[in-house]
Amino acid sequence: MELNIGPDDPVDSITLHVRGSGDDVFTAVFRLAEALHCKVLDCMEGDLITPRQTTGWHAFQQYRDHTLGAAVG
């Protein structure tokens, strides 16, 4: 997981770049969102998500696996 923030102070948004596999990453993402009193936007789907909503994450993994598989094969 990579965290990016802009140069503004105070910070009004952050971006997390999540890589890897599995749904366990959502625990950390939503804990961070709760601590920061913010919502989570799934950039793959373009919608706000909830802890049980994983379609964008699964779509990203399928895209990544297909792309990497095509590059290797």
N, C-alpha and C. Protein backbone atom coordinates (compact mmCIF):
# COMPACT_ATOMS: atom_id res chain seq x y z
N MET A 1 0.86 -1.16 0.00
CA MET A 1 0.00 0.00 0.00
C MET A 1 0.91 1.23 0.00
N GLU A 2 0.61 2.17 -0.86
CA GLU A 2 1.38 3.41 -0.97
C GLU A 2 0.44 4.57 -0.68
N LEU A 3 0.87 5.51 0.12
CA LEU A 3 0.05 6.66 0.52
C LEU A 3 0.61 7.91 -0.14
N ASN A 4 -0.26 8.64 -0.85
CA ASN A 4 0.14 9.90 -1.47
C ASN A 4 -0.74 11.04 -0.95
N ILE A 5 -0.10 12.15 -0.63
CA ILE A 5 -0.84 13.37 -0.25
C ILE A 5 -0.27 14.52 -1.07
N GLY A 6 -1.08 15.52 -1.24
CA GLY A 6 -0.64 16.69 -1.99
C GLY A 6 0.14 17.65 -1.11
N PRO A 7 0.60 18.77 -1.68
CA PRO A 7 1.42 19.73 -0.94
C PRO A 7 0.61 20.68 -0.06
N ASP A 8 -0.72 20.67 -0.18
CA ASP A 8 -1.54 21.62 0.57
C ASP A 8 -1.56 21.30 2.06
N ASP A 9 -1.68 22.34 2.85
CA ASP A 9 -1.80 22.20 4.30
C ASP A 9 -2.96 23.08 4.74
N PRO A 10 -4.02 22.57 5.27
CA PRO A 10 -4.19 21.16 5.64
C PRO A 10 -4.51 20.29 4.43
N VAL A 11 -4.22 19.02 4.57
CA VAL A 11 -4.48 18.03 3.52
C VAL A 11 -5.98 17.81 3.42
N ASP A 12 -6.53 17.88 2.20
CA ASP A 12 -7.96 17.66 2.05
C ASP A 12 -8.30 16.36 1.34
N SER A 13 -7.27 15.63 0.89
CA SER A 13 -7.50 14.31 0.31
C SER A 13 -6.19 13.52 0.32
N ILE A 14 -6.33 12.22 0.32
CA ILE A 14 -5.17 11.33 0.21
C ILE A 14 -5.51 10.26 -0.83
N THR A 15 -4.47 9.66 -1.39
CA THR A 15 -4.65 8.57 -2.33
C THR A 15 -3.85 7.38 -1.83
N LEU A 16 -4.52 6.24 -1.75
CA LEU A 16 -3.85 4.98 -1.42
C LEU A 16 -3.75 4.17 -2.69
N HIS A 17 -2.57 3.70 -2.99
CA HIS A 17 -2.37 2.80 -4.12
C HIS A 17 -2.20 1.41 -3.50
N VAL A 18 -3.17 0.55 -3.73
CA VAL A 18 -3.18 -0.77 -3.12
C VAL A 18 -2.80 -1.79 -4.18
N ARG A 19 -1.85 -2.64 -3.83
CA ARG A 19 -1.41 -3.69 -4.74
C ARG A 19 -1.45 -5.01 -3.99
N GLY A 20 -1.46 -6.09 -4.71
CA GLY A 20 -1.45 -7.40 -4.06
C GLY A 20 -2.70 -8.17 -4.38
N SER A 21 -3.03 -9.08 -3.49
CA SER A 21 -4.18 -9.95 -3.69
C SER A 21 -4.91 -10.13 -2.38
N GLY A 22 -6.14 -10.54 -2.46
CA GLY A 22 -6.93 -10.84 -1.28
C GLY A 22 -7.73 -9.64 -0.80
N ASP A 23 -8.75 -9.94 -0.02
CA ASP A 23 -9.64 -8.90 0.49
C ASP A 23 -9.23 -8.39 1.86
N ASP A 24 -8.21 -8.98 2.48
CA ASP A 24 -7.80 -8.54 3.81
C ASP A 24 -7.28 -7.12 3.85
N VAL A 25 -6.90 -6.57 2.71
CA VAL A 25 -6.44 -5.19 2.63
C VAL A 25 -7.52 -4.20 3.06
N PHE A 26 -8.79 -4.58 2.88
CA PHE A 26 -9.89 -3.69 3.24
C PHE A 26 -9.89 -3.33 4.73
N THR A 27 -9.43 -4.23 5.56
CA THR A 27 -9.38 -3.94 7.00
C THR A 27 -8.54 -2.70 7.26
N ALA A 28 -7.34 -2.66 6.69
CA ALA A 28 -6.46 -1.51 6.89
C ALA A 28 -7.00 -0.25 6.23
N VAL A 29 -7.56 -0.39 5.05
CA VAL A 29 -8.09 0.77 4.32
C VAL A 29 -9.23 1.42 5.12
N PHE A 30 -10.15 0.62 5.60
CA PHE A 30 -11.29 1.19 6.32
C PHE A 30 -10.93 1.64 7.73
N ARG A 31 -9.93 1.04 8.34
CA ARG A 31 -9.44 1.56 9.64
C ARG A 31 -8.83 2.95 9.44
N LEU A 32 -8.06 3.11 8.39
CA LEU A 32 -7.47 4.42 8.09
C LEU A 32 -8.56 5.44 7.81
N ALA A 33 -9.55 5.07 7.01
CA ALA A 33 -10.65 5.98 6.70
C ALA A 33 -11.40 6.38 7.96
N GLU A 34 -11.63 5.44 8.84
CA GLU A 34 -12.32 5.75 10.09
C GLU A 34 -11.50 6.70 10.95
N ALA A 35 -10.20 6.45 11.04
CA ALA A 35 -9.33 7.31 11.85
C ALA A 35 -9.27 8.74 11.29
N LEU A 36 -9.36 8.86 9.97
CA LEU A 36 -9.28 10.17 9.32
C LEU A 36 -10.65 10.80 9.09
N HIS A 37 -11.70 10.10 9.50
CA HIS A 37 -13.08 10.58 9.31
C HIS A 37 -13.36 10.89 7.84
N CYS A 38 -13.02 9.93 6.99
CA CYS A 38 -13.25 10.14 5.56
C CYS A 38 -13.92 8.92 4.94
N LYS A 39 -14.25 9.03 3.70
CA LYS A 39 -14.89 7.95 2.94
C LYS A 39 -13.87 7.35 1.98
N VAL A 40 -14.21 6.17 1.47
CA VAL A 40 -13.32 5.46 0.56
C VAL A 40 -13.92 5.47 -0.83
N LEU A 41 -13.15 5.93 -1.79
CA LEU A 41 -13.57 5.96 -3.19
C LEU A 41 -12.81 4.89 -3.95
N ASP A 42 -13.53 4.05 -4.64
CA ASP A 42 -12.93 3.02 -5.47
C ASP A 42 -12.72 3.62 -6.86
N CYS A 43 -11.49 3.90 -7.22
CA CYS A 43 -11.20 4.54 -8.50
C CYS A 43 -11.49 3.64 -9.70
N MET A 44 -11.47 2.34 -9.50
CA MET A 44 -11.79 1.40 -10.58
C MET A 44 -13.27 1.50 -10.95
N GLU A 45 -14.13 1.66 -9.92
CA GLU A 45 -15.57 1.75 -10.13
C GLU A 45 -16.07 3.19 -10.20
N GLY A 46 -15.33 4.11 -9.57
CA GLY A 46 -15.74 5.51 -9.55
C GLY A 46 -16.83 5.82 -8.54
N ASP A 47 -17.00 4.94 -7.55
CA ASP A 47 -18.04 5.11 -6.54
C ASP A 47 -17.45 4.96 -5.14
N LEU A 48 -18.16 5.51 -4.16
CA LEU A 48 -17.81 5.25 -2.77
C LEU A 48 -18.10 3.79 -2.48
N ILE A 49 -17.28 3.19 -1.64
CA ILE A 49 -17.48 1.78 -1.32
C ILE A 49 -17.64 1.58 0.17
N THR A 50 -18.14 0.41 0.51
CA THR A 50 -18.29 0.00 1.90
C THR A 50 -17.34 -1.17 2.15
N PRO A 51 -17.12 -1.54 3.41
CA PRO A 51 -16.17 -2.63 3.70
C PRO A 51 -16.52 -3.96 3.03
N ARG A 52 -17.76 -4.17 2.66
CA ARG A 52 -18.14 -5.45 2.05
C ARG A 52 -18.24 -5.37 0.53
N GLN A 53 -17.96 -4.25 -0.06
CA GLN A 53 -18.10 -4.03 -1.49
C GLN A 53 -16.73 -4.20 -2.14
N THR A 54 -16.53 -5.26 -2.91
CA THR A 54 -15.19 -5.57 -3.42
C THR A 54 -15.12 -5.68 -4.94
N THR A 55 -16.16 -5.29 -5.66
CA THR A 55 -16.15 -5.52 -7.11
C THR A 55 -15.03 -4.78 -7.83
N GLY A 56 -14.73 -3.55 -7.44
CA GLY A 56 -13.65 -2.81 -8.08
C GLY A 56 -12.29 -3.43 -7.82
N TRP A 57 -12.09 -3.90 -6.59
CA TRP A 57 -10.83 -4.53 -6.22
C TRP A 57 -10.65 -5.83 -7.00
N HIS A 58 -11.71 -6.61 -7.12
CA HIS A 58 -11.63 -7.85 -7.88
C HIS A 58 -11.43 -7.55 -9.37
N ALA A 59 -12.06 -6.52 -9.89
CA ALA A 59 -11.87 -6.14 -11.29
C ALA A 59 -10.43 -5.73 -11.55
N PHE A 60 -9.84 -4.97 -10.62
CA PHE A 60 -8.44 -4.57 -10.76
C PHE A 60 -7.54 -5.79 -10.79
N GLN A 61 -7.76 -6.73 -9.89
CA GLN A 61 -6.91 -7.92 -9.83
C GLN A 61 -7.03 -8.73 -11.12
N GLN A 62 -8.24 -8.86 -11.67
CA GLN A 62 -8.42 -9.57 -12.94
C GLN A 62 -7.70 -8.86 -14.08
N TYR A 63 -7.81 -7.53 -14.11
CA TYR A 63 -7.12 -6.74 -15.14
C TYR A 63 -5.61 -6.93 -15.01
N ARG A 64 -5.11 -6.79 -13.79
CA ARG A 64 -3.67 -6.93 -13.55
C ARG A 64 -3.18 -8.32 -13.95
N ASP A 65 -3.90 -9.35 -13.52
CA ASP A 65 -3.48 -10.71 -13.82
C ASP A 65 -3.52 -10.98 -15.32
N HIS A 66 -4.54 -10.47 -15.99
CA HIS A 66 -4.63 -10.64 -17.45
C HIS A 66 -3.49 -9.92 -18.15
N THR A 67 -3.23 -8.68 -17.73
CA THR A 67 -2.17 -7.88 -18.35
C THR A 67 -0.80 -8.50 -18.11
N LEU A 68 -0.53 -8.89 -16.89
CA LEU A 68 0.76 -9.50 -16.59
C LEU A 68 0.91 -10.87 -17.26
N GLY A 69 -0.19 -11.60 -17.32
CA GLY A 69 -0.15 -12.89 -18.00
C GLY A 69 0.14 -12.75 -19.48
N ALA A 70 -0.45 -11.73 -20.10
CA ALA A 70 -0.22 -11.46 -21.52
C ALA A 70 1.23 -11.03 -21.76
N ALA A 71 1.79 -10.29 -20.82
CA ALA A 71 3.17 -9.82 -20.96
C ALA A 71 4.16 -10.95 -20.80
N VAL A 72 3.84 -11.90 -19.92
CA VAL A 72 4.73 -13.03 -19.68
C VAL A 72 4.62 -14.07 -20.79
N GLY A 73 3.38 -14.32 -21.27
CA GLY A 73 3.15 -15.36 -22.28
C GLY A 73 3.37 -14.85 -23.62
